[in-house]
Amino acid sequence: MAYVASAGAATPSPAGGCIFCEALASDDDRRALILLRSAKAFLILNKYPYASGHVMAAFTRHVGALDEVTRRSWARS
């Protein structure tokens, strides 16, 4: 449980990028923990979940904050 002991430490991804962008760039959804992809968003399992089955939803376009998401991105296709 090394991840618990290092909870306060900064843990950037190995490549130094965004964990969600790296998951999307992967050609192996199973290894990247991606459950579902769509044009605007995707579902990904939390690598270190607080509860079993914890799922995260993320936009496919990289943004730093929700207020940077356009209305078009929020809309269903």
Protein backbone atom coordinates (compact mmCIF):
# COMPACT_ATOMS: atom_id res chain seq x y z
CA MET A 1 0.00 0.00 0.00
CA ALA A 2 2.76 2.39 -0.96
CA TYR A 3 0.22 4.73 -2.57
CA VAL A 4 -1.41 5.30 0.84
CA ALA A 5 1.90 6.17 2.50
CA SER A 6 2.74 8.64 -0.27
CA ALA A 7 -0.65 10.38 -0.29
CA GLY A 8 0.77 13.84 0.43
CA ALA A 9 3.59 13.64 -2.10
CA ALA A 10 3.28 15.00 -5.61
CA THR A 11 3.01 12.02 -7.96
CA PRO A 12 3.17 13.15 -11.57
CA SER A 13 2.69 10.55 -14.24
CA PRO A 14 5.88 8.87 -15.50
CA ALA A 15 5.83 10.85 -18.74
CA GLY A 16 5.02 14.07 -16.84
CA GLY A 17 1.68 14.56 -18.59
CA CYS A 18 -1.99 14.34 -17.77
CA ILE A 19 -3.14 10.89 -16.59
CA PHE A 20 -6.37 11.19 -18.58
CA CYS A 21 -4.65 12.25 -21.81
CA GLU A 22 -2.18 9.39 -21.39
CA ALA A 23 -5.02 6.91 -20.89
CA LEU A 24 -6.75 8.17 -24.06
CA ALA A 25 -3.51 7.84 -26.03
CA SER A 26 -3.16 4.20 -25.00
CA ASP A 27 -4.06 1.54 -27.54
CA ASP A 28 -4.99 -0.87 -24.72
CA ASP A 29 -8.19 0.28 -22.99
CA ARG A 30 -8.09 -2.62 -20.55
CA ARG A 31 -4.61 -1.72 -19.32
CA ALA A 32 -5.53 2.01 -19.26
CA LEU A 33 -8.69 1.13 -17.24
CA ILE A 34 -10.97 2.78 -19.81
CA LEU A 35 -14.48 1.34 -19.74
CA LEU A 36 -16.12 3.38 -22.50
CA ARG A 37 -15.04 5.93 -25.09
CA SER A 38 -17.16 8.41 -27.04
CA ALA A 39 -16.33 11.41 -29.20
CA LYS A 40 -16.63 13.88 -26.32
CA ALA A 41 -16.00 11.92 -23.12
CA PHE A 42 -14.90 8.62 -21.63
CA LEU A 43 -15.34 6.52 -18.50
CA ILE A 44 -12.29 5.31 -16.63
CA LEU A 45 -11.83 3.28 -13.48
CA ASN A 46 -9.92 4.88 -10.63
CA LYS A 47 -6.57 3.09 -10.25
CA TYR A 48 -6.73 3.62 -6.47
CA PRO A 49 -10.48 3.69 -5.74
CA TYR A 50 -12.03 4.88 -2.49
CA ALA A 51 -14.79 2.32 -3.03
CA SER A 52 -15.07 -0.72 -5.29
CA GLY A 53 -16.17 0.14 -8.80
CA HIS A 54 -15.43 3.87 -8.50
CA VAL A 55 -15.76 5.30 -12.02
CA MET A 56 -14.64 8.70 -13.29
CA ALA A 57 -16.08 10.55 -16.29
CA ALA A 58 -13.74 12.83 -18.20
CA PHE A 59 -13.87 14.91 -21.37
CA THR A 60 -11.72 13.79 -24.28
CA ARG A 61 -10.49 17.38 -24.73
CA HIS A 62 -7.91 18.36 -22.11
CA VAL A 63 -9.08 21.21 -19.85
CA GLY A 64 -7.74 22.41 -16.52
CA ALA A 65 -11.12 23.33 -15.01
CA LEU A 66 -14.79 22.70 -15.72
CA ASP A 67 -15.40 26.36 -16.59
CA GLU A 68 -13.08 25.86 -19.59
CA VAL A 69 -15.48 23.31 -21.12
CA THR A 70 -17.58 24.67 -23.97
CA ARG A 71 -21.37 24.32 -24.10
CA ARG A 72 -20.91 22.13 -27.16
CA SER A 73 -18.77 19.69 -25.17
CA TRP A 74 -21.44 19.41 -22.46
CA ALA A 75 -24.16 18.68 -25.03
CA ARG A 76 -25.00 15.16 -26.12
CA SER A 77 -24.34 14.27 -29.72
